[in-house]
Amino acid sequence: MQSTLSETNNSRRRNVKQGKARFFVPRGNKADRGINALPRGIYQRLGKKIKAVFIFVEGAPEYRKRYAFGKAATKAANREFPKRFAYHLDRVRP
């Protein structure tokens, strides 16, 4: 049977010895058992443990505005820029 993983037995052993991370994407569905029953995503194998790194979701997320970055940046620039510009300009003038 051909492996569906993108690694050979030798490269797997070498990478484990060198402490390199191993990642995989389960190929099954919810009716399967074991690793293939995991939600679709990218997982990292840590010895016998498995850690979810990135979970795939259906559809685009919906975000709401939480912080007015543009307004805060403009306010800070209007407050700080004149002082700092004058200070640095005085340092370069002969």
Protein backbone atom coordinates (compact mmCIF):
# COMPACT_ATOMS: atom_id res chain seq x y z
CA MET A 1 0.00 0.00 0.00
CA GLN A 2 1.34 3.43 -0.94
CA SER A 3 1.57 6.06 1.78
CA THR A 4 -0.50 9.22 1.36
CA LEU A 5 1.98 11.16 3.48
CA SER A 6 4.68 13.20 1.82
CA GLU A 7 7.50 11.46 3.66
CA THR A 8 9.40 8.19 3.43
CA ASN A 9 10.17 5.89 6.34
CA ASN A 10 13.80 7.04 6.32
CA SER A 11 12.93 10.75 6.26
CA ARG A 12 10.38 10.22 9.06
CA ARG A 13 13.00 8.52 11.27
CA ARG A 14 15.62 11.17 10.47
CA ASN A 15 13.22 14.04 11.21
CA VAL A 16 12.08 12.50 14.50
CA LYS A 17 15.72 12.06 15.58
CA GLN A 18 16.49 15.67 14.66
CA GLY A 19 13.43 16.92 16.54
CA LYS A 20 11.72 18.34 13.45
CA ALA A 21 7.99 18.91 13.54
CA ARG A 22 5.66 16.60 11.64
CA PHE A 23 2.43 18.01 10.21
CA PHE A 24 -0.54 16.34 8.52
CA VAL A 25 -4.09 16.91 7.28
CA PRO A 26 -6.62 14.15 8.14
CA ARG A 27 -8.35 12.82 5.03
CA GLY A 28 -11.45 11.16 6.49
CA ASN A 29 -14.86 12.33 7.60
CA LYS A 30 -16.74 12.41 10.92
CA ALA A 31 -17.93 8.80 10.48
CA ASP A 32 -14.32 7.55 10.53
CA ARG A 33 -12.49 6.67 13.71
CA GLY A 34 -9.09 7.72 15.00
CA ILE A 35 -7.10 10.46 13.32
CA ASN A 36 -9.47 10.68 10.37
CA ALA A 37 -12.33 11.66 12.71
CA LEU A 38 -10.59 14.95 13.54
CA PRO A 39 -12.07 18.17 12.12
CA ARG A 40 -10.43 19.17 8.82
CA GLY A 41 -7.31 21.20 9.44
CA ILE A 42 -3.55 21.07 9.89
CA TYR A 43 -2.22 19.10 12.86
CA GLN A 44 1.21 18.65 14.39
CA ARG A 45 2.28 15.26 15.66
CA LEU A 46 4.14 15.53 18.98
CA GLY A 47 5.24 11.98 19.78
CA LYS A 48 1.94 10.20 20.48
CA LYS A 49 0.06 13.46 20.96
CA ILE A 50 -1.63 15.52 18.26
CA LYS A 51 -1.99 19.31 18.39
CA ALA A 52 -4.34 21.31 16.16
CA VAL A 53 -2.38 24.07 14.42
CA PHE A 54 -5.00 25.37 11.98
CA ILE A 55 -8.66 24.33 11.68
CA PHE A 56 -10.44 24.75 8.35
CA VAL A 57 -13.87 26.41 8.56
CA GLU A 58 -16.76 26.70 6.13
CA GLY A 59 -17.46 30.15 4.73
CA ALA A 60 -15.86 33.46 5.48
CA PRO A 61 -15.81 34.79 9.05
CA GLU A 62 -17.79 37.87 9.96
CA TYR A 63 -15.94 40.56 11.86
CA ARG A 64 -17.21 43.64 13.59
CA LYS A 65 -15.25 46.79 14.27
CA ARG A 66 -13.72 46.68 17.75
CA TYR A 67 -11.18 49.47 17.78
CA ALA A 68 -10.84 52.60 15.66
CA PHE A 69 -7.19 52.16 14.64
CA GLY A 70 -7.26 54.90 12.01
CA LYS A 71 -8.77 57.44 14.39
CA ALA A 72 -6.32 56.56 17.17
CA ALA A 73 -3.33 56.73 14.80
CA THR A 74 -4.40 60.11 13.42
CA LYS A 75 -4.90 61.49 16.92
CA ALA A 76 -1.47 60.23 18.06
CA ALA A 77 0.24 61.57 14.93
CA ASN A 78 -1.37 65.00 15.32
CA ARG A 79 -0.27 65.10 18.95
CA GLU A 80 3.27 63.71 18.62
CA PHE A 81 4.53 64.57 15.13
CA PRO A 82 5.01 68.35 15.54
CA LYS A 83 7.03 67.89 18.77
CA ARG A 84 9.21 65.10 17.42
CA PHE A 85 9.73 66.75 14.04
CA ALA A 86 10.86 70.00 15.66
CA TYR A 87 13.20 68.13 18.02
CA HIS A 88 14.88 66.17 15.23
CA LEU A 89 15.01 69.18 12.93
CA ASP A 90 16.88 71.14 15.60
CA ARG A 91 19.40 68.29 15.91
CA VAL A 92 20.32 68.35 12.20
CA ARG A 93 20.49 72.12 11.77
CA PRO A 94 24.03 73.57 11.94
